[in-house]
N, C-alpha and C. Protein backbone atom coordinates (compact mmCIF):
# COMPACT_ATOMS: atom_id res chain seq x y z
N UNK A 1 18.42 85.18 96.22
CA UNK A 1 18.96 85.17 97.38
C UNK A 1 20.32 86.07 96.99
N UNK A 2 20.32 87.15 96.44
CA UNK A 2 21.53 87.88 96.48
C UNK A 2 21.66 88.77 97.42
N UNK A 3 22.78 88.60 98.42
CA UNK A 3 23.31 89.24 99.45
C UNK A 3 24.72 89.59 99.25
N UNK A 4 25.01 90.85 99.29
CA UNK A 4 26.21 91.47 98.92
C UNK A 4 27.31 91.24 100.00
N UNK A 5 26.95 90.40 101.13
CA UNK A 5 27.71 90.17 101.97
C UNK A 5 28.40 88.59 101.79
N UNK A 6 27.91 87.96 101.01
CA UNK A 6 27.88 86.95 100.70
C UNK A 6 28.79 86.42 99.30
N UNK A 7 29.75 85.47 99.34
CA UNK A 7 30.45 85.32 97.78
C UNK A 7 29.42 84.64 97.20
N UNK A 8 29.95 84.97 95.83
CA UNK A 8 28.95 84.29 94.75
C UNK A 8 28.96 82.70 94.94
N UNK A 9 30.17 82.37 95.26
CA UNK A 9 30.17 80.85 95.16
C UNK A 9 29.30 80.17 96.39
N UNK A 10 29.27 81.05 97.36
CA UNK A 10 28.63 80.37 98.43
C UNK A 10 26.92 80.40 98.05
N UNK A 11 26.46 81.43 97.47
CA UNK A 11 25.31 81.39 97.20
C UNK A 11 24.66 80.46 96.01
N UNK A 12 26.04 80.40 95.27
CA UNK A 12 25.72 79.11 94.34
C UNK A 12 25.52 77.51 94.62
N UNK A 13 26.42 77.44 95.91
CA UNK A 13 26.30 76.27 96.41
C UNK A 13 25.15 76.11 97.12
N UNK A 14 24.69 76.99 97.65
CA UNK A 14 23.61 76.70 98.60
C UNK A 14 22.50 76.61 97.73
N UNK A 15 22.39 76.93 96.17
CA UNK A 15 21.47 76.66 95.53
C UNK A 15 21.48 75.27 95.04
N UNK A 16 22.61 75.07 95.08
CA UNK A 16 23.07 73.54 94.38
C UNK A 16 22.70 72.35 95.42
N UNK A 17 22.92 72.88 96.77
CA UNK A 17 22.29 72.05 97.69
C UNK A 17 20.71 71.74 98.08
N UNK A 18 19.93 72.88 97.66
CA UNK A 18 19.02 72.91 97.74
C UNK A 18 18.27 72.33 96.71
N UNK A 19 18.99 72.06 95.30
CA UNK A 19 18.22 71.03 94.46
C UNK A 19 18.89 69.75 94.58
N UNK A 20 19.98 69.64 94.96
CA UNK A 20 20.26 68.06 94.82
C UNK A 20 19.82 67.34 96.25
N UNK A 21 19.91 68.02 97.45
CA UNK A 21 19.76 67.46 98.46
C UNK A 21 18.32 67.97 99.10
N UNK A 22 17.70 68.92 98.57
CA UNK A 22 16.69 69.53 98.94
C UNK A 22 16.77 70.25 100.48
N UNK A 23 17.92 70.52 100.52
CA UNK A 23 18.49 71.58 101.80
C UNK A 23 17.40 72.50 101.81
N UNK A 24 17.32 72.99 103.16
CA UNK A 24 16.79 74.57 102.92
C UNK A 24 18.10 75.56 103.73
N UNK A 25 17.56 77.17 103.28
CA UNK A 25 18.96 77.58 103.94
C UNK A 25 19.60 77.06 104.81
N UNK A 26 18.72 76.86 106.53
CA UNK A 26 19.03 76.78 107.85
C UNK A 26 20.30 75.34 107.47
N UNK A 27 19.71 74.38 106.64
CA UNK A 27 20.21 73.15 106.46
C UNK A 27 21.76 73.39 106.17
N UNK A 28 21.84 74.20 105.03
CA UNK A 28 22.95 74.91 104.17
C UNK A 28 23.87 75.22 105.31
N UNK A 29 23.41 76.45 105.48
CA UNK A 29 24.39 77.34 106.88
C UNK A 29 24.81 76.16 107.90
N UNK A 30 23.97 75.38 108.33
CA UNK A 30 24.57 74.50 109.67
C UNK A 30 25.44 73.37 109.15
N UNK A 31 25.49 73.05 108.04
CA UNK A 31 26.20 72.04 107.57
C UNK A 31 28.11 72.21 107.33
N UNK A 32 28.44 71.35 107.38
CA UNK A 32 30.02 71.60 107.59
C UNK A 32 30.45 71.34 106.10
N UNK A 33 31.57 71.67 105.61
CA UNK A 33 31.87 71.06 104.32
C UNK A 33 32.15 70.03 104.19
N UNK A 34 32.05 68.91 105.09
CA UNK A 34 32.43 67.24 104.86
C UNK A 34 30.93 66.96 104.61
N UNK A 35 29.75 67.70 105.13
CA UNK A 35 28.32 67.20 105.12
C UNK A 35 28.10 67.69 103.45
N UNK A 36 28.88 68.62 102.94
CA UNK A 36 28.58 68.77 101.61
C UNK A 36 29.15 67.66 100.70
N UNK A 37 30.45 67.58 100.98
CA UNK A 37 30.98 66.74 100.37
C UNK A 37 30.37 65.45 100.35
N UNK A 38 29.83 64.89 101.58
CA UNK A 38 29.36 63.63 101.76
C UNK A 38 28.09 63.62 100.91
N UNK A 39 27.26 64.37 100.69
CA UNK A 39 25.96 64.52 99.98
C UNK A 39 26.48 64.41 98.40
N UNK A 40 27.30 65.22 97.75
CA UNK A 40 27.40 65.53 96.59
C UNK A 40 28.31 64.24 96.01
N UNK A 41 28.81 63.87 97.09
CA UNK A 41 29.94 62.37 96.81
C UNK A 41 28.87 61.28 96.05
N UNK A 42 27.59 61.30 96.75
CA UNK A 42 26.64 60.58 96.25
C UNK A 42 26.41 60.46 94.83
N UNK A 43 26.47 61.71 94.12
CA UNK A 43 26.18 61.79 92.76
C UNK A 43 27.45 61.33 91.57
N UNK A 44 28.39 60.92 92.29
CA UNK A 44 29.55 60.14 91.50
C UNK A 44 29.44 58.81 91.79
N UNK A 45 30.32 58.16 90.90
CA UNK A 45 30.48 56.69 91.30
C UNK A 45 31.34 56.47 92.53
N UNK A 46 31.07 55.39 93.21
CA UNK A 46 31.80 55.17 94.69
C UNK A 46 32.94 55.20 94.48
N UNK A 47 33.65 54.73 93.40
CA UNK A 47 35.00 54.34 93.29
C UNK A 47 35.72 55.95 92.89
N UNK A 48 34.84 57.02 92.60
CA UNK A 48 35.33 58.19 92.43
C UNK A 48 35.22 59.11 93.38
N UNK A 49 34.54 58.82 94.94
CA UNK A 49 34.32 59.75 95.76
C UNK A 49 35.66 60.22 96.37
N UNK A 50 36.57 59.55 96.29
CA UNK A 50 37.87 59.99 96.58
C UNK A 50 38.66 61.19 95.72
N UNK A 51 38.07 61.27 94.51
CA UNK A 51 38.35 62.19 93.69
C UNK A 51 37.25 63.47 93.30
N UNK A 52 36.69 63.43 94.52
CA UNK A 52 35.29 64.78 94.36
C UNK A 52 36.20 65.78 94.72
N UNK A 53 36.35 66.85 93.46
CA UNK A 53 37.36 68.21 94.08
C UNK A 53 36.30 69.21 93.19
N UNK A 54 37.10 70.48 92.83
CA UNK A 54 36.63 71.71 92.46
C UNK A 54 36.26 71.22 91.15
N UNK A 55 36.60 70.59 90.20
CA UNK A 55 36.28 70.47 88.82
C UNK A 55 34.78 69.39 88.87
N UNK A 56 35.06 68.56 89.68
CA UNK A 56 33.47 67.90 89.60
C UNK A 56 32.49 68.64 90.32
N UNK A 57 32.79 69.63 91.51
CA UNK A 57 31.82 70.49 91.99
C UNK A 57 31.31 71.36 90.66
N UNK A 58 32.22 71.55 89.70
CA UNK A 58 31.92 73.05 88.74
C UNK A 58 31.06 72.04 87.67
N UNK A 59 31.52 70.62 87.09
CA UNK A 59 30.71 70.05 86.25
C UNK A 59 29.23 69.95 87.20
N UNK A 60 29.05 69.59 88.15
CA UNK A 60 27.55 69.54 89.04
C UNK A 60 26.77 70.79 88.48
N UNK A 61 27.60 71.97 88.95
CA UNK A 61 26.85 73.36 88.78
C UNK A 61 26.78 73.28 87.33
N UNK A 62 27.31 72.85 86.66
CA UNK A 62 27.06 73.40 85.11
C UNK A 62 25.49 72.25 84.67
N UNK A 63 25.92 70.94 85.28
CA UNK A 63 24.47 70.29 85.04
C UNK A 63 23.19 70.70 85.86
N UNK A 64 23.17 71.19 86.79
CA UNK A 64 22.40 72.06 87.64
C UNK A 64 22.59 73.23 87.82
N UNK A 65 22.21 74.42 86.76
CA UNK A 65 22.41 75.59 87.19
C UNK A 65 21.29 75.97 87.87
N UNK A 66 21.39 77.43 88.73
CA UNK A 66 20.72 78.09 89.54
C UNK A 66 20.10 78.84 88.19
N UNK A 67 18.24 78.77 88.23
CA UNK A 67 17.40 79.50 87.68
C UNK A 67 18.02 79.67 86.37
């Protein structure tokens, strides 16, 4: 899904959400950042949910790389 109009981070995050949450493209594009955060927070300890940040997202992206 390479689209010259989209930033690489958006495409990567869409792929991550497809893998982690089973979201289809329409689900991803209809979601808010809060929706994405809520789903991804489920992958870390509940006590760490408040600390879900770019570093945590990067770690998940390394663990679940696209293709």
